[in-house]
Amino acid sequence: GAYVGFSGALYSGYTWVGLAAGLGAGMFVSLFMVVLCVRLGLDQIVVGIALTLAAEGLTSLLHGAILTERPRLGSVSLVTIPGLSEIPVLGRSLFSQHLVVYLTLGLVILVSWMFRSTNAGLSLRAAGDKPSALDAAGVSVHGTRTWAVLATGALGGLGGAYLSIVGAG
């Protein structure tokens, strides 16, 4: 997510394109996790370590081959919350951030509510804790786990893209 997001932002000139590219890259890598762990039932720790090392190696190889110089992205605009950003010591660090930070905080609240209050949240919890109960309820355990892995891969890719675009630039 970090490499693809940075490259997407560098070549397109738009931060949001880079963030979307990182999200897509994370989802693409998580497809391997879906096939190997959810569908074939392989050990997720071993597969996760292998995918991490493979992605790190591929990133290093592509970075050395394509980005021969040290490119920098332009500065990213910050969203400042009036009043709160003037609080001494903590104001600028907490209330003057990129829009993705605030969207992510909203997403945390939304997902927390979803896990507690919706059928989809109950299905996701059951897919990990009691897959037999989920199967008895007529919900596909493989389908639920597939969507969960794809969503977490997308969020991991978005996080990597954010770090490389906004954090390091």
N, C-alpha and C. Protein backbone atom coordinates (compact mmCIF):
# COMPACT_ATOMS: atom_id res chain seq x y z
N GLY A 1 0.80 -1.19 0.00
CA GLY A 1 0.00 0.00 0.00
C GLY A 1 0.85 1.26 0.00
N ALA A 2 1.96 1.22 0.74
CA ALA A 2 2.82 2.41 0.83
C ALA A 2 3.48 2.71 -0.51
N TYR A 3 4.04 1.69 -1.15
CA TYR A 3 4.73 1.92 -2.41
C TYR A 3 3.76 2.31 -3.52
N VAL A 4 2.69 1.57 -3.67
CA VAL A 4 1.73 1.85 -4.73
C VAL A 4 1.04 3.19 -4.49
N GLY A 5 0.74 3.49 -3.24
CA GLY A 5 0.13 4.77 -2.92
C GLY A 5 1.06 5.94 -3.23
N PHE A 6 2.33 5.81 -2.84
CA PHE A 6 3.29 6.87 -3.12
C PHE A 6 3.47 7.05 -4.63
N SER A 7 3.60 5.94 -5.35
CA SER A 7 3.77 6.01 -6.80
C SER A 7 2.54 6.62 -7.47
N GLY A 8 1.36 6.23 -7.00
CA GLY A 8 0.13 6.79 -7.56
C GLY A 8 0.04 8.28 -7.34
N ALA A 9 0.40 8.74 -6.15
CA ALA A 9 0.37 10.18 -5.87
C ALA A 9 1.46 10.91 -6.64
N LEU A 10 2.62 10.29 -6.79
CA LEU A 10 3.74 10.93 -7.49
C LEU A 10 3.42 11.11 -8.97
N TYR A 11 2.94 10.06 -9.61
CA TYR A 11 2.72 10.12 -11.06
C TYR A 11 1.42 10.82 -11.45
N SER A 12 0.41 10.79 -10.57
CA SER A 12 -0.84 11.47 -10.90
C SER A 12 -0.83 12.92 -10.43
N GLY A 13 -0.09 13.18 -9.37
CA GLY A 13 -0.07 14.52 -8.81
C GLY A 13 -1.19 14.79 -7.81
N TYR A 14 -1.97 13.77 -7.50
CA TYR A 14 -3.09 13.93 -6.58
C TYR A 14 -2.95 12.99 -5.39
N THR A 15 -3.09 13.54 -4.20
CA THR A 15 -2.99 12.75 -2.98
C THR A 15 -4.07 11.69 -2.91
N TRP A 16 -5.28 12.04 -3.28
CA TRP A 16 -6.40 11.10 -3.17
C TRP A 16 -6.26 9.92 -4.13
N VAL A 17 -5.65 10.15 -5.28
CA VAL A 17 -5.39 9.04 -6.21
C VAL A 17 -4.40 8.07 -5.57
N GLY A 18 -3.38 8.61 -4.94
CA GLY A 18 -2.41 7.76 -4.25
C GLY A 18 -3.03 6.98 -3.12
N LEU A 19 -3.90 7.61 -2.34
CA LEU A 19 -4.57 6.91 -1.25
C LEU A 19 -5.47 5.80 -1.78
N ALA A 20 -6.18 6.07 -2.87
CA ALA A 20 -7.04 5.04 -3.48
C ALA A 20 -6.20 3.90 -4.06
N ALA A 21 -5.05 4.24 -4.65
CA ALA A 21 -4.17 3.20 -5.20
C ALA A 21 -3.62 2.32 -4.08
N GLY A 22 -3.25 2.93 -2.96
CA GLY A 22 -2.78 2.15 -1.81
C GLY A 22 -3.86 1.24 -1.26
N LEU A 23 -5.09 1.74 -1.21
CA LEU A 23 -6.21 0.94 -0.77
C LEU A 23 -6.40 -0.27 -1.69
N GLY A 24 -6.34 -0.03 -2.99
CA GLY A 24 -6.48 -1.11 -3.96
C GLY A 24 -5.35 -2.12 -3.87
N ALA A 25 -4.13 -1.65 -3.65
CA ALA A 25 -2.99 -2.55 -3.52
C ALA A 25 -3.13 -3.44 -2.29
N GLY A 26 -3.59 -2.86 -1.19
CA GLY A 26 -3.81 -3.66 0.01
C GLY A 26 -4.86 -4.72 -0.20
N MET A 27 -5.91 -4.37 -0.93
CA MET A 27 -6.96 -5.33 -1.23
C MET A 27 -6.45 -6.43 -2.16
N PHE A 28 -5.61 -6.04 -3.12
CA PHE A 28 -5.05 -7.03 -4.05
C PHE A 28 -4.18 -8.05 -3.32
N VAL A 29 -3.32 -7.59 -2.43
CA VAL A 29 -2.47 -8.51 -1.68
C VAL A 29 -3.31 -9.40 -0.77
N SER A 30 -4.39 -8.83 -0.21
CA SER A 30 -5.24 -9.63 0.67
C SER A 30 -5.98 -10.74 -0.09
N LEU A 31 -6.08 -10.60 -1.43
CA LEU A 31 -6.68 -11.69 -2.21
C LEU A 31 -5.87 -12.98 -2.07
N PHE A 32 -4.54 -12.85 -2.00
CA PHE A 32 -3.70 -14.03 -1.79
C PHE A 32 -4.00 -14.66 -0.43
N MET A 33 -4.20 -13.81 0.56
CA MET A 33 -4.55 -14.30 1.89
C MET A 33 -5.88 -15.04 1.87
N VAL A 34 -6.84 -14.50 1.12
CA VAL A 34 -8.15 -15.14 1.00
C VAL A 34 -8.00 -16.52 0.38
N VAL A 35 -7.29 -16.60 -0.73
CA VAL A 35 -7.15 -17.88 -1.42
C VAL A 35 -6.42 -18.90 -0.55
N LEU A 36 -5.31 -18.48 0.04
CA LEU A 36 -4.48 -19.42 0.78
C LEU A 36 -5.05 -19.79 2.15
N CYS A 37 -5.64 -18.84 2.85
CA CYS A 37 -6.10 -19.12 4.21
C CYS A 37 -7.58 -19.45 4.29
N VAL A 38 -8.41 -18.62 3.68
CA VAL A 38 -9.86 -18.84 3.80
C VAL A 38 -10.29 -20.02 2.94
N ARG A 39 -9.83 -20.06 1.70
CA ARG A 39 -10.28 -21.12 0.79
C ARG A 39 -9.53 -22.43 0.98
N LEU A 40 -8.18 -22.36 1.11
CA LEU A 40 -7.39 -23.59 1.22
C LEU A 40 -7.12 -24.02 2.66
N GLY A 41 -7.37 -23.13 3.61
CA GLY A 41 -7.23 -23.47 5.02
C GLY A 41 -5.80 -23.54 5.53
N LEU A 42 -4.88 -22.85 4.89
CA LEU A 42 -3.49 -22.85 5.36
C LEU A 42 -3.35 -21.97 6.60
N ASP A 43 -2.24 -22.14 7.30
CA ASP A 43 -2.00 -21.39 8.53
C ASP A 43 -1.84 -19.91 8.22
N GLN A 44 -2.66 -19.07 8.86
CA GLN A 44 -2.67 -17.65 8.54
C GLN A 44 -1.42 -16.92 9.06
N ILE A 45 -0.78 -17.42 10.09
CA ILE A 45 0.45 -16.79 10.58
C ILE A 45 1.57 -16.98 9.56
N VAL A 46 1.73 -18.19 9.08
CA VAL A 46 2.79 -18.49 8.11
C VAL A 46 2.53 -17.74 6.80
N VAL A 47 1.29 -17.77 6.34
CA VAL A 47 0.95 -17.09 5.09
C VAL A 47 1.12 -15.58 5.25
N GLY A 48 0.72 -15.03 6.39
CA GLY A 48 0.86 -13.60 6.64
C GLY A 48 2.32 -13.16 6.63
N ILE A 49 3.19 -13.94 7.26
CA ILE A 49 4.62 -13.61 7.27
C ILE A 49 5.19 -13.72 5.86
N ALA A 50 4.80 -14.75 5.12
CA ALA A 50 5.30 -14.92 3.75
C ALA A 50 4.84 -13.77 2.85
N LEU A 51 3.58 -13.37 2.97
CA LEU A 51 3.08 -12.26 2.15
C LEU A 51 3.77 -10.95 2.53
N THR A 52 4.00 -10.74 3.80
CA THR A 52 4.69 -9.52 4.24
C THR A 52 6.10 -9.46 3.68
N LEU A 53 6.84 -10.56 3.77
CA LEU A 53 8.21 -10.59 3.25
C LEU A 53 8.24 -10.46 1.73
N ALA A 54 7.28 -11.10 1.06
CA ALA A 54 7.24 -11.00 -0.40
C ALA A 54 6.90 -9.58 -0.85
N ALA A 55 5.94 -8.95 -0.18
CA ALA A 55 5.58 -7.57 -0.54
C ALA A 55 6.73 -6.62 -0.23
N GLU A 56 7.43 -6.84 0.87
CA GLU A 56 8.57 -5.98 1.20
C GLU A 56 9.68 -6.14 0.17
N GLY A 57 9.96 -7.35 -0.24
CA GLY A 57 10.98 -7.58 -1.26
C GLY A 57 10.60 -6.99 -2.60
N LEU A 58 9.34 -7.16 -2.99
CA LEU A 58 8.87 -6.61 -4.26
C LEU A 58 8.92 -5.08 -4.23
N THR A 59 8.54 -4.50 -3.12
CA THR A 59 8.60 -3.05 -2.97
C THR A 59 10.02 -2.54 -3.10
N SER A 60 10.94 -3.21 -2.44
CA SER A 60 12.35 -2.81 -2.51
C SER A 60 12.89 -2.94 -3.93
N LEU A 61 12.53 -4.01 -4.60
CA LEU A 61 12.98 -4.23 -5.98
C LEU A 61 12.41 -3.15 -6.91
N LEU A 62 11.13 -2.89 -6.82
CA LEU A 62 10.51 -1.88 -7.68
C LEU A 62 11.03 -0.48 -7.37
N HIS A 63 11.24 -0.19 -6.09
CA HIS A 63 11.76 1.12 -5.72
C HIS A 63 13.15 1.34 -6.31
N GLY A 64 13.99 0.32 -6.24
CA GLY A 64 15.34 0.44 -6.80
C GLY A 64 15.35 0.52 -8.31
N ALA A 65 14.40 -0.15 -8.96
CA ALA A 65 14.38 -0.18 -10.42
C ALA A 65 13.69 1.04 -11.03
N ILE A 66 12.65 1.52 -10.40
CA ILE A 66 11.85 2.59 -11.00
C ILE A 66 12.21 3.95 -10.44
N LEU A 67 12.32 4.07 -9.15
CA LEU A 67 12.60 5.36 -8.52
C LEU A 67 14.09 5.46 -8.21
N THR A 68 14.88 5.81 -9.21
CA THR A 68 16.32 5.87 -9.03
C THR A 68 16.75 7.10 -8.25
N GLU A 69 15.93 8.14 -8.25
CA GLU A 69 16.24 9.33 -7.46
C GLU A 69 15.32 9.35 -6.25
N ARG A 70 15.45 10.35 -5.43
CA ARG A 70 14.61 10.46 -4.23
C ARG A 70 13.54 11.52 -4.45
N PRO A 71 12.42 11.14 -5.07
CA PRO A 71 11.38 12.14 -5.34
C PRO A 71 10.66 12.52 -4.05
N ARG A 72 10.15 13.72 -4.02
CA ARG A 72 9.35 14.20 -2.90
C ARG A 72 8.01 14.68 -3.42
N LEU A 73 7.00 14.44 -2.66
CA LEU A 73 5.67 14.94 -3.00
C LEU A 73 5.50 16.33 -2.41
N GLY A 74 4.60 17.06 -2.96
CA GLY A 74 4.29 18.39 -2.41
C GLY A 74 3.63 18.24 -1.04
N SER A 75 3.53 19.32 -0.34
CA SER A 75 2.91 19.27 0.98
C SER A 75 1.41 18.99 0.84
N VAL A 76 0.88 18.32 1.82
CA VAL A 76 -0.53 17.95 1.82
C VAL A 76 -1.28 18.93 2.69
N SER A 77 -2.43 19.38 2.20
CA SER A 77 -3.20 20.37 2.96
C SER A 77 -3.80 19.71 4.20
N LEU A 78 -3.78 20.46 5.28
CA LEU A 78 -4.30 19.99 6.55
C LEU A 78 -5.66 20.64 6.81
N VAL A 79 -6.48 19.92 7.55
CA VAL A 79 -7.77 20.45 7.99
C VAL A 79 -7.59 20.88 9.44
N THR A 80 -7.81 22.14 9.70
CA THR A 80 -7.64 22.68 11.04
C THR A 80 -9.01 22.95 11.64
N ILE A 81 -9.24 22.45 12.84
CA ILE A 81 -10.50 22.68 13.53
C ILE A 81 -10.37 23.99 14.31
N PRO A 82 -11.15 25.00 13.92
CA PRO A 82 -11.02 26.31 14.56
C PRO A 82 -11.28 26.22 16.07
N GLY A 83 -10.50 26.97 16.80
CA GLY A 83 -10.64 27.00 18.25
C GLY A 83 -9.85 25.91 18.93
N LEU A 84 -10.09 24.68 18.54
CA LEU A 84 -9.38 23.56 19.17
C LEU A 84 -7.91 23.51 18.78
N SER A 85 -7.59 23.94 17.57
CA SER A 85 -6.20 23.89 17.12
C SER A 85 -5.32 24.92 17.82
N GLU A 86 -5.93 25.88 18.53
CA GLU A 86 -5.15 26.88 19.26
C GLU A 86 -4.87 26.49 20.70
N ILE A 87 -5.31 25.31 21.13
CA ILE A 87 -5.03 24.84 22.49
C ILE A 87 -3.52 24.68 22.64
N PRO A 88 -2.94 25.20 23.70
CA PRO A 88 -1.48 25.07 23.87
C PRO A 88 -1.05 23.60 23.94
N VAL A 89 0.09 23.31 23.44
CA VAL A 89 0.78 22.02 23.41
C VAL A 89 0.09 21.00 22.52
N LEU A 90 -1.16 20.64 22.78
CA LEU A 90 -1.83 19.58 22.03
C LEU A 90 -2.65 20.05 20.85
N GLY A 91 -2.98 21.28 20.78
CA GLY A 91 -3.91 21.78 19.77
C GLY A 91 -3.49 21.50 18.35
N ARG A 92 -2.28 21.89 17.98
CA ARG A 92 -1.85 21.70 16.59
C ARG A 92 -1.65 20.22 16.26
N SER A 93 -1.18 19.44 17.21
CA SER A 93 -0.91 18.03 16.90
C SER A 93 -2.18 17.19 16.81
N LEU A 94 -3.23 17.56 17.54
CA LEU A 94 -4.46 16.78 17.50
C LEU A 94 -5.52 17.32 16.55
N PHE A 95 -5.56 18.61 16.37
CA PHE A 95 -6.67 19.22 15.64
C PHE A 95 -6.24 19.94 14.37
N SER A 96 -5.10 19.58 13.84
CA SER A 96 -4.65 20.09 12.55
C SER A 96 -4.04 18.92 11.80
N GLN A 97 -4.90 18.13 11.18
CA GLN A 97 -4.49 16.88 10.53
C GLN A 97 -5.06 16.82 9.11
N HIS A 98 -4.57 15.83 8.38
CA HIS A 98 -5.12 15.57 7.04
C HIS A 98 -6.53 15.02 7.19
N LEU A 99 -7.35 15.23 6.21
CA LEU A 99 -8.75 14.80 6.25
C LEU A 99 -8.89 13.30 6.49
N VAL A 100 -7.94 12.50 6.02
CA VAL A 100 -7.99 11.04 6.20
C VAL A 100 -8.00 10.67 7.68
N VAL A 101 -7.29 11.43 8.50
CA VAL A 101 -7.25 11.15 9.94
C VAL A 101 -8.65 11.28 10.53
N TYR A 102 -9.35 12.33 10.19
CA TYR A 102 -10.70 12.54 10.71
C TYR A 102 -11.68 11.52 10.15
N LEU A 103 -11.53 11.18 8.87
CA LEU A 103 -12.39 10.14 8.29
C LEU A 103 -12.15 8.79 8.96
N THR A 104 -10.90 8.51 9.30
CA THR A 104 -10.56 7.26 9.96
C THR A 104 -11.17 7.19 11.36
N LEU A 105 -11.13 8.29 12.09
CA LEU A 105 -11.76 8.32 13.41
C LEU A 105 -13.26 8.06 13.30
N GLY A 106 -13.89 8.65 12.29
CA GLY A 106 -15.30 8.36 12.04
C GLY A 106 -15.54 6.91 11.68
N LEU A 107 -14.61 6.33 10.90
CA LEU A 107 -14.73 4.92 10.52
C LEU A 107 -14.60 4.01 11.74
N VAL A 108 -13.74 4.35 12.67
CA VAL A 108 -13.60 3.56 13.90
C VAL A 108 -14.92 3.53 14.66
N ILE A 109 -15.55 4.68 14.79
CA ILE A 109 -16.83 4.76 15.48
C ILE A 109 -17.89 3.96 14.73
N LEU A 110 -17.93 4.09 13.42
CA LEU A 110 -18.91 3.38 12.60
C LEU A 110 -18.73 1.85 12.71
N VAL A 111 -17.50 1.38 12.61
CA VAL A 111 -17.24 -0.06 12.67
C VAL A 111 -17.54 -0.59 14.07
N SER A 112 -17.22 0.18 15.10
CA SER A 112 -17.54 -0.24 16.46
C SER A 112 -19.05 -0.39 16.63
N TRP A 113 -19.79 0.57 16.13
CA TRP A 113 -21.25 0.47 16.19
C TRP A 113 -21.74 -0.72 15.38
N MET A 114 -21.15 -0.93 14.19
CA MET A 114 -21.57 -2.02 13.33
C MET A 114 -21.37 -3.38 14.01
N PHE A 115 -20.23 -3.55 14.68
CA PHE A 115 -19.97 -4.83 15.35
C PHE A 115 -20.98 -5.11 16.47
N ARG A 116 -21.44 -4.06 17.14
CA ARG A 116 -22.35 -4.24 18.27
C ARG A 116 -23.82 -4.28 17.87
N SER A 117 -24.19 -3.62 16.77
CA SER A 117 -25.61 -3.35 16.55
C SER A 117 -26.22 -3.90 15.27
N THR A 118 -25.47 -4.54 14.42
CA THR A 118 -26.04 -5.00 13.15
C THR A 118 -25.85 -6.49 12.96
N ASN A 119 -26.64 -7.03 12.05
CA ASN A 119 -26.50 -8.46 11.72
C ASN A 119 -25.15 -8.75 11.06
N ALA A 120 -24.66 -7.79 10.25
CA ALA A 120 -23.34 -7.99 9.63
C ALA A 120 -22.25 -8.08 10.69
N GLY A 121 -22.33 -7.24 11.72
CA GLY A 121 -21.35 -7.30 12.80
C GLY A 121 -21.43 -8.61 13.56
N LEU A 122 -22.64 -9.07 13.81
CA LEU A 122 -22.82 -10.36 14.49
C LEU A 122 -22.25 -11.48 13.63
N SER A 123 -22.48 -11.42 12.32
CA SER A 123 -21.94 -12.45 11.42
C SER A 123 -20.41 -12.43 11.41
N LEU A 124 -19.83 -11.24 11.40
CA LEU A 124 -18.37 -11.16 11.43
C LEU A 124 -17.79 -11.73 12.71
N ARG A 125 -18.42 -11.42 13.83
CA ARG A 125 -17.93 -11.97 15.10
C ARG A 125 -18.10 -13.48 15.14
N ALA A 126 -19.22 -13.97 14.63
CA ALA A 126 -19.46 -15.41 14.64
C ALA A 126 -18.53 -16.14 13.68
N ALA A 127 -18.13 -15.50 12.59
CA ALA A 127 -17.22 -16.15 11.64
C ALA A 127 -15.89 -16.47 12.28
N GLY A 128 -15.49 -15.69 13.28
CA GLY A 128 -14.24 -15.96 13.97
C GLY A 128 -14.42 -16.81 15.21
N ASP A 129 -15.49 -16.56 15.97
CA ASP A 129 -15.68 -17.25 17.24
C ASP A 129 -16.40 -18.58 17.10
N LYS A 130 -17.51 -18.58 16.40
CA LYS A 130 -18.35 -19.78 16.27
C LYS A 130 -18.80 -19.97 14.84
N PRO A 131 -17.89 -20.42 13.95
CA PRO A 131 -18.30 -20.58 12.54
C PRO A 131 -19.44 -21.57 12.36
N SER A 132 -19.54 -22.57 13.23
CA SER A 132 -20.64 -23.54 13.08
C SER A 132 -21.99 -22.87 13.34
N ALA A 133 -22.04 -21.92 14.27
CA ALA A 133 -23.29 -21.19 14.52
C ALA A 133 -23.67 -20.32 13.32
N LEU A 134 -22.67 -19.72 12.70
CA LEU A 134 -22.92 -18.89 11.52
C LEU A 134 -23.43 -19.76 10.37
N ASP A 135 -22.85 -20.93 10.22
CA ASP A 135 -23.27 -21.86 9.18
C ASP A 135 -24.70 -22.34 9.44
N ALA A 136 -25.01 -22.59 10.70
CA ALA A 136 -26.36 -23.04 11.06
C ALA A 136 -27.39 -21.94 10.80
N ALA A 137 -26.97 -20.69 10.88
CA ALA A 137 -27.88 -19.57 10.61
C ALA A 137 -28.08 -19.35 9.12
N GLY A 138 -27.36 -20.11 8.29
CA GLY A 138 -27.53 -20.00 6.84
C GLY A 138 -26.67 -18.95 6.18
N VAL A 139 -25.67 -18.45 6.88
CA VAL A 139 -24.76 -17.44 6.34
C VAL A 139 -23.46 -18.13 5.96
N SER A 140 -22.91 -17.78 4.82
CA SER A 140 -21.68 -18.39 4.33
C SER A 140 -20.48 -17.94 5.17
N VAL A 141 -19.83 -18.91 5.82
CA VAL A 141 -18.65 -18.60 6.62
C VAL A 141 -17.51 -18.14 5.72
N HIS A 142 -17.31 -18.84 4.60
CA HIS A 142 -16.23 -18.45 3.67
C HIS A 142 -16.48 -17.06 3.08
N GLY A 143 -17.71 -16.77 2.73
CA GLY A 143 -18.03 -15.45 2.19
C GLY A 143 -17.80 -14.34 3.20
N THR A 144 -18.23 -14.56 4.43
CA THR A 144 -18.04 -13.56 5.48
C THR A 144 -16.56 -13.34 5.75
N ARG A 145 -15.81 -14.42 5.86
CA ARG A 145 -14.36 -14.28 6.10
C ARG A 145 -13.65 -13.64 4.91
N THR A 146 -14.10 -13.94 3.71
CA THR A 146 -13.49 -13.34 2.52
C THR A 146 -13.66 -11.83 2.53
N TRP A 147 -14.87 -11.35 2.79
CA TRP A 147 -15.11 -9.91 2.82
C TRP A 147 -14.35 -9.24 3.97
N ALA A 148 -14.23 -9.94 5.09
CA ALA A 148 -13.49 -9.38 6.23
C ALA A 148 -12.01 -9.22 5.89
N VAL A 149 -11.42 -10.23 5.25
CA VAL A 149 -10.00 -10.15 4.89
C VAL A 149 -9.77 -9.08 3.83
N LEU A 150 -10.66 -8.98 2.85
CA LEU A 150 -10.52 -7.94 1.83
C LEU A 150 -10.64 -6.54 2.43
N ALA A 151 -11.56 -6.37 3.36
CA ALA A 151 -11.72 -5.06 3.99
C ALA A 151 -10.50 -4.69 4.83
N THR A 152 -9.97 -5.63 5.58
CA THR A 152 -8.79 -5.32 6.39
C THR A 152 -7.57 -5.10 5.52
N GLY A 153 -7.46 -5.82 4.41
CA GLY A 153 -6.36 -5.57 3.47
C GLY A 153 -6.45 -4.19 2.86
N ALA A 154 -7.67 -3.77 2.52
CA ALA A 154 -7.85 -2.43 1.96
C ALA A 154 -7.48 -1.36 2.98
N LEU A 155 -7.88 -1.54 4.23
CA LEU A 155 -7.55 -0.56 5.26
C LEU A 155 -6.06 -0.55 5.56
N GLY A 156 -5.42 -1.73 5.52
CA GLY A 156 -3.97 -1.77 5.70
C GLY A 156 -3.24 -1.06 4.57
N GLY A 157 -3.72 -1.24 3.35
CA GLY A 157 -3.13 -0.54 2.21
C GLY A 157 -3.33 0.96 2.31
N LEU A 158 -4.51 1.39 2.77
CA LEU A 158 -4.77 2.81 2.97
C LEU A 158 -3.84 3.38 4.04
N GLY A 159 -3.61 2.62 5.10
CA GLY A 159 -2.70 3.07 6.15
C GLY A 159 -1.27 3.21 5.64
N GLY A 160 -0.82 2.26 4.85
CA GLY A 160 0.52 2.36 4.28
C GLY A 160 0.64 3.54 3.33
N ALA A 161 -0.38 3.75 2.51
CA ALA A 161 -0.36 4.88 1.59
C ALA A 161 -0.35 6.19 2.36
N TYR A 162 -1.11 6.27 3.42
CA TYR A 162 -1.12 7.49 4.24
C TYR A 162 0.27 7.76 4.81
N LEU A 163 0.91 6.72 5.33
CA LEU A 163 2.25 6.92 5.90
C LEU A 163 3.25 7.41 4.88
N SER A 164 3.20 6.84 3.69
CA SER A 164 4.20 7.24 2.69
C SER A 164 3.87 8.57 2.02
N ILE A 165 2.60 8.91 1.88
CA ILE A 165 2.21 10.14 1.20
C ILE A 165 2.20 11.33 2.16
N VAL A 166 1.45 11.18 3.24
CA VAL A 166 1.26 12.30 4.17
C VAL A 166 2.36 12.33 5.22
N GLY A 167 2.67 11.15 5.79
CA GLY A 167 3.65 11.10 6.86
C GLY A 167 5.07 11.40 6.40
N ALA A 168 5.50 10.78 5.31
CA ALA A 168 6.88 10.95 4.85
C ALA A 168 6.96 11.89 3.66
N GLY A 169 5.99 11.81 2.77
CA GLY A 169 5.95 12.71 1.62
C GLY A 169 7.04 12.45 0.63
